[in-house]
All heavy atoms as atom14 arrays in JSON, in Angstrom:
{
  "sequence": "YVQPPIAQLTRVCSYDRAGFAWSELGPEPRTARQAADELHSLLNAAG",
  "atom14_mask": [
    [1, 1, 1, 1, 1, 1, 1, 1, 1, 1, 1, 1, 0, 0],
    [1, 1, 1, 1, 1, 1, 1, 0, 0, 0, 0, 0, 0, 0],
    [1, 1, 1, 1, 1, 1, 1, 1, 1, 0, 0, 0, 0, 0],
    [1, 1, 1, 1, 1, 1, 1, 0, 0, 0, 0, 0, 0, 0],
    [1, 1, 1, 1, 1, 1, 1, 0, 0, 0, 0, 0, 0, 0],
    [1, 1, 1, 1, 1, 1, 1, 1, 0, 0, 0, 0, 0, 0],
    [1, 1, 1, 1, 1, 0, 0, 0, 0, 0, 0, 0, 0, 0],
    [1, 1, 1, 1, 1, 1, 1, 1, 1, 0, 0, 0, 0, 0],
    [1, 1, 1, 1, 1, 1, 1, 1, 0, 0, 0, 0, 0, 0],
    [1, 1, 1, 1, 1, 1, 1, 0, 0, 0, 0, 0, 0, 0],
    [1, 1, 1, 1, 1, 1, 1, 1, 1, 1, 1, 0, 0, 0],
    [1, 1, 1, 1, 1, 1, 1, 0, 0, 0, 0, 0, 0, 0],
    [1, 1, 1, 1, 1, 1, 0, 0, 0, 0, 0, 0, 0, 0],
    [1, 1, 1, 1, 1, 1, 0, 0, 0, 0, 0, 0, 0, 0],
    [1, 1, 1, 1, 1, 1, 1, 1, 1, 1, 1, 1, 0, 0],
    [1, 1, 1, 1, 1, 1, 1, 1, 0, 0, 0, 0, 0, 0],
    [1, 1, 1, 1, 1, 1, 1, 1, 1, 1, 1, 0, 0, 0],
    [1, 1, 1, 1, 1, 0, 0, 0, 0, 0, 0, 0, 0, 0],
    [1, 1, 1, 1, 0, 0, 0, 0, 0, 0, 0, 0, 0, 0],
    [1, 1, 1, 1, 1, 1, 1, 1, 1, 1, 1, 0, 0, 0],
    [1, 1, 1, 1, 1, 0, 0, 0, 0, 0, 0, 0, 0, 0],
    [1, 1, 1, 1, 1, 1, 1, 1, 1, 1, 1, 1, 1, 1],
    [1, 1, 1, 1, 1, 1, 0, 0, 0, 0, 0, 0, 0, 0],
    [1, 1, 1, 1, 1, 1, 1, 1, 1, 0, 0, 0, 0, 0],
    [1, 1, 1, 1, 1, 1, 1, 1, 0, 0, 0, 0, 0, 0],
    [1, 1, 1, 1, 0, 0, 0, 0, 0, 0, 0, 0, 0, 0],
    [1, 1, 1, 1, 1, 1, 1, 0, 0, 0, 0, 0, 0, 0],
    [1, 1, 1, 1, 1, 1, 1, 1, 1, 0, 0, 0, 0, 0],
    [1, 1, 1, 1, 1, 1, 1, 0, 0, 0, 0, 0, 0, 0],
    [1, 1, 1, 1, 1, 1, 1, 1, 1, 1, 1, 0, 0, 0],
    [1, 1, 1, 1, 1, 1, 1, 0, 0, 0, 0, 0, 0, 0],
    [1, 1, 1, 1, 1, 0, 0, 0, 0, 0, 0, 0, 0, 0],
    [1, 1, 1, 1, 1, 1, 1, 1, 1, 1, 1, 0, 0, 0],
    [1, 1, 1, 1, 1, 1, 1, 1, 1, 0, 0, 0, 0, 0],
    [1, 1, 1, 1, 1, 0, 0, 0, 0, 0, 0, 0, 0, 0],
    [1, 1, 1, 1, 1, 0, 0, 0, 0, 0, 0, 0, 0, 0],
    [1, 1, 1, 1, 1, 1, 1, 1, 0, 0, 0, 0, 0, 0],
    [1, 1, 1, 1, 1, 1, 1, 1, 1, 0, 0, 0, 0, 0],
    [1, 1, 1, 1, 1, 1, 1, 1, 0, 0, 0, 0, 0, 0],
    [1, 1, 1, 1, 1, 1, 1, 1, 1, 1, 0, 0, 0, 0],
    [1, 1, 1, 1, 1, 1, 0, 0, 0, 0, 0, 0, 0, 0],
    [1, 1, 1, 1, 1, 1, 1, 1, 0, 0, 0, 0, 0, 0],
    [1, 1, 1, 1, 1, 1, 1, 1, 0, 0, 0, 0, 0, 0],
    [1, 1, 1, 1, 1, 1, 1, 1, 0, 0, 0, 0, 0, 0],
    [1, 1, 1, 1, 1, 0, 0, 0, 0, 0, 0, 0, 0, 0],
    [1, 1, 1, 1, 1, 0, 0, 0, 0, 0, 0, 0, 0, 0],
    [1, 1, 1, 1, 0, 0, 0, 0, 0, 0, 0, 0, 0, 0]
  ],
  "atom14_positions": [
    [[-11.8, 1.5, -10.74], [-13.01, 2.32, -11.04], [-13.05, 3.42, -10.01], [-13.86, 4.4, -10.15], [-14.24, 1.45, -10.93], [-14.43, 0.45, -11.89], [-15.01, -0.81, -11.59], [-14.1, 0.68, -13.37], [-15.2, -1.81, -12.59], [-14.33, -0.23, -14.27], [-14.89, -1.51, -13.9], [-15.02, -2.5, -14.8], [0.0, 0.0, 0.0], [0.0, 0.0, 0.0]],
    [[-12.23, 3.37, -8.94], [-12.38, 4.27, -7.78], [-11.25, 5.28, -7.81], [-11.48, 6.53, -7.61], [-12.4, 3.53, -6.46], [-12.31, 4.42, -5.29], [-13.52, 2.52, -6.35], [0.0, 0.0, 0.0], [0.0, 0.0, 0.0], [0.0, 0.0, 0.0], [0.0, 0.0, 0.0], [0.0, 0.0, 0.0], [0.0, 0.0, 0.0], [0.0, 0.0, 0.0]],
    [[-10.06, 4.99, -8.09], [-8.9, 5.85, -8.05], [-9.08, 7.1, -9.03], [-8.89, 8.24, -8.52], [-7.61, 5.18, -8.17], [-6.46, 5.97, -7.98], [-5.19, 5.26, -7.63], [-5.18, 4.06, -7.53], [-4.0, 5.97, -7.74], [0.0, 0.0, 0.0], [0.0, 0.0, 0.0], [0.0, 0.0, 0.0], [0.0, 0.0, 0.0], [0.0, 0.0, 0.0]],
    [[-9.39, 6.89, -10.31], [-9.4, 8.04, -11.19], [-10.34, 9.12, -10.77], [-9.96, 10.31, -10.76], [-9.81, 7.38, -12.6], [-9.3, 5.96, -12.45], [-9.48, 5.54, -11.0], [0.0, 0.0, 0.0], [0.0, 0.0, 0.0], [0.0, 0.0, 0.0], [0.0, 0.0, 0.0], [0.0, 0.0, 0.0], [0.0, 0.0, 0.0], [0.0, 0.0, 0.0]],
    [[-11.67, 8.74, -10.46], [-12.47, 9.8, -9.94], [-12.04, 10.5, -8.73], [-12.21, 11.81, -8.57], [-13.91, 9.28, -9.77], [-13.68, 7.78, -9.76], [-12.34, 7.55, -10.47], [0.0, 0.0, 0.0], [0.0, 0.0, 0.0], [0.0, 0.0, 0.0], [0.0, 0.0, 0.0], [0.0, 0.0, 0.0], [0.0, 0.0, 0.0], [0.0, 0.0, 0.0]],
    [[-11.45, 9.83, -7.77], [-10.94, 10.48, -6.56], [-9.79, 11.33, -6.96], [-9.61, 12.4, -6.3], [-10.53, 9.4, -5.52], [-11.81, 8.64, -4.99], [-9.86, 10.05, -4.3], [-11.52, 7.46, -3.96], [0.0, 0.0, 0.0], [0.0, 0.0, 0.0], [0.0, 0.0, 0.0], [0.0, 0.0, 0.0], [0.0, 0.0, 0.0], [0.0, 0.0, 0.0]],
    [[-8.99, 10.99, -7.86], [-7.81, 11.77, -8.24], [-8.18, 13.15, -8.73], [-7.39, 14.15, -8.88], [-7.05, 11.08, -9.31], [0.0, 0.0, 0.0], [0.0, 0.0, 0.0], [0.0, 0.0, 0.0], [0.0, 0.0, 0.0], [0.0, 0.0, 0.0], [0.0, 0.0, 0.0], [0.0, 0.0, 0.0], [0.0, 0.0, 0.0], [0.0, 0.0, 0.0]],
    [[-9.44, 13.24, -9.14], [-10.03, 14.58, -9.64], [-10.37, 15.47, -8.42], [-10.54, 16.73, -8.59], [-11.23, 14.41, -10.45], [-11.08, 13.55, -11.8], [-10.06, 14.21, -12.69], [-10.16, 15.39, -12.96], [-9.18, 13.44, -13.22], [0.0, 0.0, 0.0], [0.0, 0.0, 0.0], [0.0, 0.0, 0.0], [0.0, 0.0, 0.0], [0.0, 0.0, 0.0]],
    [[-10.36, 14.87, -7.18], [-10.73, 15.65, -6.04], [-9.59, 15.92, -5.08], [-9.53, 16.99, -4.49], [-11.83, 14.79, -5.21], [-13.04, 14.29, -5.85], [-13.77, 13.32, -5.02], [-13.97, 15.4, -6.33], [0.0, 0.0, 0.0], [0.0, 0.0, 0.0], [0.0, 0.0, 0.0], [0.0, 0.0, 0.0], [0.0, 0.0, 0.0], [0.0, 0.0, 0.0]],
    [[-8.61, 14.96, -5.06], [-7.49, 15.1, -4.12], [-6.4, 14.03, -4.52], [-6.63, 13.29, -5.47], [-7.95, 14.94, -2.63], [-6.81, 15.24, -1.74], [-8.31, 13.46, -2.29], [0.0, 0.0, 0.0], [0.0, 0.0, 0.0], [0.0, 0.0, 0.0], [0.0, 0.0, 0.0], [0.0, 0.0, 0.0], [0.0, 0.0, 0.0], [0.0, 0.0, 0.0]],
    [[-5.34, 13.96, -3.68], [-4.32, 12.97, -3.94], [-4.87, 11.59, -3.45], [-5.49, 11.46, -2.48], [-2.98, 13.36, -3.28], [-1.82, 12.34, -3.66], [-0.57, 12.99, -3.43], [0.54, 12.28, -3.75], [1.05, 12.13, -5.03], [0.45, 12.57, -6.02], [2.16, 11.28, -5.18], [0.0, 0.0, 0.0], [0.0, 0.0, 0.0], [0.0, 0.0, 0.0]],
    [[-4.57, 10.56, -4.29], [-5.03, 9.14, -3.83], [-3.97, 8.21, -4.17], [-3.35, 8.24, -5.24], [-6.47, 8.86, -4.59], [-6.29, 9.09, -6.0], [-6.81, 7.49, -4.2], [0.0, 0.0, 0.0], [0.0, 0.0, 0.0], [0.0, 0.0, 0.0], [0.0, 0.0, 0.0], [0.0, 0.0, 0.0], [0.0, 0.0, 0.0], [0.0, 0.0, 0.0]],
    [[-3.79, 7.28, -3.28], [-2.76, 6.19, -3.5], [-3.36, 4.82, -3.32], [-4.06, 4.61, -2.28], [-1.54, 6.37, -2.52], [-0.68, 7.96, -2.65], [0.0, 0.0, 0.0], [0.0, 0.0, 0.0], [0.0, 0.0, 0.0], [0.0, 0.0, 0.0], [0.0, 0.0, 0.0], [0.0, 0.0, 0.0], [0.0, 0.0, 0.0], [0.0, 0.0, 0.0]],
    [[-3.12, 3.88, -4.23], [-3.37, 2.54, -4.08], [-2.01, 1.81, -4.11], [-1.0, 2.35, -4.41], [-4.25, 1.9, -5.26], [-3.56, 2.13, -6.54], [0.0, 0.0, 0.0], [0.0, 0.0, 0.0], [0.0, 0.0, 0.0], [0.0, 0.0, 0.0], [0.0, 0.0, 0.0], [0.0, 0.0, 0.0], [0.0, 0.0, 0.0], [0.0, 0.0, 0.0]],
    [[-1.97, 0.61, -3.45], [-0.68, -0.12, -3.4], [-0.97, -1.6, -3.34], [-2.16, -2.05, -3.23], [0.07, 0.31, -2.17], [-0.31, -0.23, -0.91], [0.61, -1.24, -0.33], [-1.53, -0.02, -0.19], [0.28, -1.84, 0.93], [-1.81, -0.59, 1.01], [-0.98, -1.57, 1.46], [-1.3, -2.17, 2.73], [0.0, 0.0, 0.0], [0.0, 0.0, 0.0]],
    [[0.12, -2.41, -3.45], [-0.03, -3.84, -3.42], [0.64, -4.3, -2.13], [1.87, -4.01, -1.92], [0.59, -4.6, -4.62], [-0.09, -4.01, -5.87], [-1.28, -4.08, -5.93], [0.69, -3.71, -6.89], [0.0, 0.0, 0.0], [0.0, 0.0, 0.0], [0.0, 0.0, 0.0], [0.0, 0.0, 0.0], [0.0, 0.0, 0.0], [0.0, 0.0, 0.0]],
    [[0.01, -5.0, -1.3], [0.54, -5.56, -0.13], [1.66, -6.6, -0.5], [1.69, -7.06, -1.67], [-0.47, -6.33, 0.75], [-1.33, -5.35, 1.43], [-2.21, -6.05, 2.51], [-2.97, -7.24, 2.07], [-4.12, -7.09, 1.53], [-4.78, -5.88, 1.41], [-4.83, -8.17, 1.18], [0.0, 0.0, 0.0], [0.0, 0.0, 0.0], [0.0, 0.0, 0.0]],
    [[2.61, -7.04, 0.38], [3.66, -7.93, 0.06], [3.05, -9.1, -0.58], [2.21, -9.79, -0.02], [4.41, -8.24, 1.34], [0.0, 0.0, 0.0], [0.0, 0.0, 0.0], [0.0, 0.0, 0.0], [0.0, 0.0, 0.0], [0.0, 0.0, 0.0], [0.0, 0.0, 0.0], [0.0, 0.0, 0.0], [0.0, 0.0, 0.0], [0.0, 0.0, 0.0]],
    [[3.69, -9.52, -1.8], [3.33, -10.76, -2.45], [2.31, -10.62, -3.54], [1.99, -11.46, -4.34], [0.0, 0.0, 0.0], [0.0, 0.0, 0.0], [0.0, 0.0, 0.0], [0.0, 0.0, 0.0], [0.0, 0.0, 0.0], [0.0, 0.0, 0.0], [0.0, 0.0, 0.0], [0.0, 0.0, 0.0], [0.0, 0.0, 0.0], [0.0, 0.0, 0.0]],
    [[1.61, -9.37, -3.48], [0.37, -9.21, -4.53], [0.88, -8.33, -5.75], [1.68, -7.4, -5.49], [-0.74, -8.67, -3.76], [-1.32, -9.52, -2.77], [-0.95, -9.47, -1.48], [-2.38, -10.56, -3.15], [-1.42, -10.32, -0.44], [-2.91, -11.32, -2.15], [-2.48, -11.25, -0.88], [0.0, 0.0, 0.0], [0.0, 0.0, 0.0], [0.0, 0.0, 0.0]],
    [[0.43, -8.76, -6.9], [0.65, -8.04, -8.12], [2.1, -7.71, -8.25], [3.04, -8.6, -8.46], [-0.15, -6.84, -8.17], [0.0, 0.0, 0.0], [0.0, 0.0, 0.0], [0.0, 0.0, 0.0], [0.0, 0.0, 0.0], [0.0, 0.0, 0.0], [0.0, 0.0, 0.0], [0.0, 0.0, 0.0], [0.0, 0.0, 0.0], [0.0, 0.0, 0.0]],
    [[2.54, -6.33, -8.22], [3.84, -5.98, -8.5], [4.75, -5.98, -7.32], [5.98, -5.94, -7.37], [3.93, -4.61, -9.08], [3.45, -4.53, -10.53], [4.22, -4.87, -11.57], [2.18, -4.06, -10.98], [3.42, -4.79, -12.76], [2.27, -4.33, -12.37], [1.0, -3.73, -10.33], [1.11, -3.93, -13.16], [-0.09, -3.44, -11.19], [-0.08, -3.53, -12.57]],
    [[4.3, -6.24, -6.09], [5.02, -6.22, -4.8], [5.68, -7.48, -4.51], [5.16, -8.57, -4.88], [4.15, -5.83, -3.65], [3.75, -4.49, -3.67], [0.0, 0.0, 0.0], [0.0, 0.0, 0.0], [0.0, 0.0, 0.0], [0.0, 0.0, 0.0], [0.0, 0.0, 0.0], [0.0, 0.0, 0.0], [0.0, 0.0, 0.0], [0.0, 0.0, 0.0]],
    [[6.85, -7.5, -3.89], [7.59, -8.65, -3.62], [7.12, -9.35, -2.4], [6.44, -8.73, -1.53], [9.11, -8.33, -3.39], [9.75, -7.79, -4.59], [11.29, -7.39, -4.35], [11.66, -7.22, -3.13], [11.93, -7.28, -5.27], [0.0, 0.0, 0.0], [0.0, 0.0, 0.0], [0.0, 0.0, 0.0], [0.0, 0.0, 0.0], [0.0, 0.0, 0.0]],
    [[7.26, -10.56, -2.15], [6.96, -11.25, -0.9], [7.57, -10.61, 0.28], [8.74, -10.22, 0.09], [7.16, -12.8, -0.99], [6.3, -13.48, -1.98], [7.0, -14.88, -2.24], [4.99, -13.76, -1.38], [0.0, 0.0, 0.0], [0.0, 0.0, 0.0], [0.0, 0.0, 0.0], [0.0, 0.0, 0.0], [0.0, 0.0, 0.0], [0.0, 0.0, 0.0]],
    [[6.91, -10.57, 1.39], [7.5, -10.05, 2.63], [7.62, -11.05, 3.72], [7.29, -12.22, 3.62], [0.0, 0.0, 0.0], [0.0, 0.0, 0.0], [0.0, 0.0, 0.0], [0.0, 0.0, 0.0], [0.0, 0.0, 0.0], [0.0, 0.0, 0.0], [0.0, 0.0, 0.0], [0.0, 0.0, 0.0], [0.0, 0.0, 0.0], [0.0, 0.0, 0.0]],
    [[8.21, -10.68, 4.87], [8.39, -11.55, 5.91], [7.1, -11.99, 6.67], [6.13, -11.31, 6.53], [9.29, -10.66, 6.88], [8.96, -9.31, 6.59], [8.64, -9.26, 5.16], [0.0, 0.0, 0.0], [0.0, 0.0, 0.0], [0.0, 0.0, 0.0], [0.0, 0.0, 0.0], [0.0, 0.0, 0.0], [0.0, 0.0, 0.0], [0.0, 0.0, 0.0]],
    [[7.18, -13.16, 7.12], [5.98, -13.68, 7.87], [6.18, -13.63, 9.32], [7.4, -13.48, 9.84], [5.75, -15.09, 7.4], [5.43, -15.26, 5.96], [5.13, -16.69, 5.64], [4.8, -17.53, 6.39], [5.06, -16.91, 4.29], [0.0, 0.0, 0.0], [0.0, 0.0, 0.0], [0.0, 0.0, 0.0], [0.0, 0.0, 0.0], [0.0, 0.0, 0.0]],
    [[5.14, -13.68, 10.16], [3.78, -13.84, 9.82], [3.14, -12.56, 9.17], [3.59, -11.46, 9.45], [3.11, -14.16, 11.17], [3.93, -13.4, 12.17], [5.33, -13.53, 11.68], [0.0, 0.0, 0.0], [0.0, 0.0, 0.0], [0.0, 0.0, 0.0], [0.0, 0.0, 0.0], [0.0, 0.0, 0.0], [0.0, 0.0, 0.0], [0.0, 0.0, 0.0]],
    [[2.16, -12.84, 8.2], [1.56, -11.73, 7.56], [0.27, -11.29, 8.24], [-0.86, -11.43, 7.77], [1.15, -12.17, 6.15], [2.4, -12.54, 5.25], [3.5, -11.44, 5.05], [2.97, -10.18, 4.8], [3.63, -9.04, 4.91], [4.87, -9.0, 5.28], [3.09, -7.92, 4.55], [0.0, 0.0, 0.0], [0.0, 0.0, 0.0], [0.0, 0.0, 0.0]],
    [[0.46, -10.69, 9.41], [-0.61, -10.15, 10.18], [-1.15, -8.82, 9.63], [-0.38, -8.13, 8.95], [-0.31, -10.01, 11.69], [0.71, -9.07, 11.77], [0.12, -11.33, 12.23], [0.0, 0.0, 0.0], [0.0, 0.0, 0.0], [0.0, 0.0, 0.0], [0.0, 0.0, 0.0], [0.0, 0.0, 0.0], [0.0, 0.0, 0.0], [0.0, 0.0, 0.0]],
    [[-2.32, -8.48, 10.05], [-2.85, -7.2, 9.66], [-2.01, -6.09, 10.31], [-1.79, -4.97, 9.61], [-4.32, -6.97, 10.06], [0.0, 0.0, 0.0], [0.0, 0.0, 0.0], [0.0, 0.0, 0.0], [0.0, 0.0, 0.0], [0.0, 0.0, 0.0], [0.0, 0.0, 0.0], [0.0, 0.0, 0.0], [0.0, 0.0, 0.0], [0.0, 0.0, 0.0]],
    [[-1.43, -6.26, 11.48], [-0.56, -5.22, 12.06], [0.66, -5.04, 11.19], [1.2, -4.0, 10.98], [-0.34, -5.55, 13.48], [0.85, -4.66, 14.03], [0.69, -4.35, 15.58], [-0.28, -3.42, 15.8], [-1.32, -3.61, 16.8], [-1.36, -4.77, 17.52], [-2.18, -2.73, 17.04], [0.0, 0.0, 0.0], [0.0, 0.0, 0.0], [0.0, 0.0, 0.0]],
    [[1.27, -6.29, 10.79], [2.44, -6.2, 9.92], [2.18, -5.36, 8.68], [3.03, -4.59, 8.27], [2.92, -7.59, 9.53], [4.09, -7.66, 8.6], [5.38, -7.4, 9.19], [5.5, -7.35, 10.45], [6.45, -7.34, 8.36], [0.0, 0.0, 0.0], [0.0, 0.0, 0.0], [0.0, 0.0, 0.0], [0.0, 0.0, 0.0], [0.0, 0.0, 0.0]],
    [[1.04, -5.65, 8.02], [0.69, -5.04, 6.83], [0.45, -3.4, 7.2], [0.85, -2.54, 6.33], [-0.65, -5.47, 6.26], [0.0, 0.0, 0.0], [0.0, 0.0, 0.0], [0.0, 0.0, 0.0], [0.0, 0.0, 0.0], [0.0, 0.0, 0.0], [0.0, 0.0, 0.0], [0.0, 0.0, 0.0], [0.0, 0.0, 0.0], [0.0, 0.0, 0.0]],
    [[-0.16, -3.1, 8.24], [-0.39, -1.64, 8.6], [0.91, -1.0, 8.83], [1.18, 0.15, 8.36], [-1.23, -1.61, 9.84], [0.0, 0.0, 0.0], [0.0, 0.0, 0.0], [0.0, 0.0, 0.0], [0.0, 0.0, 0.0], [0.0, 0.0, 0.0], [0.0, 0.0, 0.0], [0.0, 0.0, 0.0], [0.0, 0.0, 0.0], [0.0, 0.0, 0.0]],
    [[1.92, -1.65, 9.52], [3.24, -1.05, 9.71], [3.91, -0.87, 8.45], [4.65, 0.14, 8.26], [4.0, -1.93, 10.66], [3.5, -1.86, 12.14], [2.79, -0.93, 12.42], [3.87, -2.75, 12.9], [0.0, 0.0, 0.0], [0.0, 0.0, 0.0], [0.0, 0.0, 0.0], [0.0, 0.0, 0.0], [0.0, 0.0, 0.0], [0.0, 0.0, 0.0]],
    [[3.86, -1.86, 7.53], [4.52, -1.72, 6.24], [3.93, -0.61, 5.44], [4.64, 0.11, 4.72], [4.46, -3.13, 5.48], [5.4, -4.14, 6.12], [5.4, -5.44, 5.36], [4.53, -5.6, 4.33], [6.15, -6.35, 5.69], [0.0, 0.0, 0.0], [0.0, 0.0, 0.0], [0.0, 0.0, 0.0], [0.0, 0.0, 0.0], [0.0, 0.0, 0.0]],
    [[2.6, -0.44, 5.43], [2.03, 0.61, 4.7], [2.5, 1.98, 5.31], [2.72, 2.9, 4.48], [0.43, 0.53, 4.85], [-0.36, 1.79, 4.29], [-0.04, 1.94, 2.89], [-1.82, 1.61, 4.57], [0.0, 0.0, 0.0], [0.0, 0.0, 0.0], [0.0, 0.0, 0.0], [0.0, 0.0, 0.0], [0.0, 0.0, 0.0], [0.0, 0.0, 0.0]],
    [[2.56, 2.14, 6.58], [3.08, 3.39, 7.14], [4.48, 3.62, 6.7], [4.93, 4.75, 6.35], [3.01, 3.27, 8.68], [3.39, 4.48, 9.37], [4.61, 4.67, 10.04], [2.74, 5.65, 9.59], [4.64, 5.86, 10.57], [3.51, 6.56, 10.31], [0.0, 0.0, 0.0], [0.0, 0.0, 0.0], [0.0, 0.0, 0.0], [0.0, 0.0, 0.0]],
    [[5.35, 2.66, 6.68], [6.7, 2.74, 6.26], [6.82, 3.04, 4.87], [7.64, 3.85, 4.36], [7.57, 1.4, 6.59], [7.61, 1.18, 7.95], [0.0, 0.0, 0.0], [0.0, 0.0, 0.0], [0.0, 0.0, 0.0], [0.0, 0.0, 0.0], [0.0, 0.0, 0.0], [0.0, 0.0, 0.0], [0.0, 0.0, 0.0], [0.0, 0.0, 0.0]],
    [[5.96, 2.45, 4.03], [5.89, 2.78, 2.6], [5.53, 4.15, 2.35], [6.29, 4.87, 1.54], [4.86, 1.86, 1.96], [4.53, 2.04, 0.41], [5.79, 1.72, -0.37], [3.41, 1.19, 0.07], [0.0, 0.0, 0.0], [0.0, 0.0, 0.0], [0.0, 0.0, 0.0], [0.0, 0.0, 0.0], [0.0, 0.0, 0.0], [0.0, 0.0, 0.0]],
    [[4.56, 4.76, 2.94], [4.15, 6.07, 2.79], [5.26, 7.04, 3.2], [5.51, 8.03, 2.5], [2.84, 6.46, 3.52], [1.61, 5.68, 3.0], [0.4, 5.83, 3.99], [1.24, 6.07, 1.6], [0.0, 0.0, 0.0], [0.0, 0.0, 0.0], [0.0, 0.0, 0.0], [0.0, 0.0, 0.0], [0.0, 0.0, 0.0], [0.0, 0.0, 0.0]],
    [[6.02, 6.73, 4.32], [7.03, 7.61, 4.71], [8.23, 7.56, 3.68], [8.79, 8.61, 3.28], [7.54, 7.17, 6.04], [6.68, 7.58, 7.19], [5.81, 8.45, 7.01], [6.77, 6.93, 8.33], [0.0, 0.0, 0.0], [0.0, 0.0, 0.0], [0.0, 0.0, 0.0], [0.0, 0.0, 0.0], [0.0, 0.0, 0.0], [0.0, 0.0, 0.0]],
    [[8.52, 6.33, 3.28], [9.65, 6.23, 2.32], [9.33, 6.8, 0.98], [10.36, 7.37, 0.29], [9.97, 4.72, 2.06], [0.0, 0.0, 0.0], [0.0, 0.0, 0.0], [0.0, 0.0, 0.0], [0.0, 0.0, 0.0], [0.0, 0.0, 0.0], [0.0, 0.0, 0.0], [0.0, 0.0, 0.0], [0.0, 0.0, 0.0], [0.0, 0.0, 0.0]],
    [[8.1, 6.9, 0.58], [7.64, 7.52, -0.64], [7.57, 8.99, -0.54], [7.42, 9.73, -1.51], [6.3, 6.89, -1.17], [0.0, 0.0, 0.0], [0.0, 0.0, 0.0], [0.0, 0.0, 0.0], [0.0, 0.0, 0.0], [0.0, 0.0, 0.0], [0.0, 0.0, 0.0], [0.0, 0.0, 0.0], [0.0, 0.0, 0.0], [0.0, 0.0, 0.0]],
    [[7.65, 9.62, 0.68], [7.52, 11.0, 0.89], [6.05, 11.5, 0.92], [5.77, 12.72, 0.87], [0.0, 0.0, 0.0], [0.0, 0.0, 0.0], [0.0, 0.0, 0.0], [0.0, 0.0, 0.0], [0.0, 0.0, 0.0], [0.0, 0.0, 0.0], [0.0, 0.0, 0.0], [0.0, 0.0, 0.0], [0.0, 0.0, 0.0], [0.0, 0.0, 0.0]]
  ]
}
């Protein structure tokens, strides 16, 4: 409900953390810092 209207304003990205929906399971421990670092790497890898 949020992404489509924001896309009318600017670029917007949603994603799935490791193990959720379409994403594969990732290494443990699954801390918030691990997730933040993976998000940063994901955005870089995606350009």
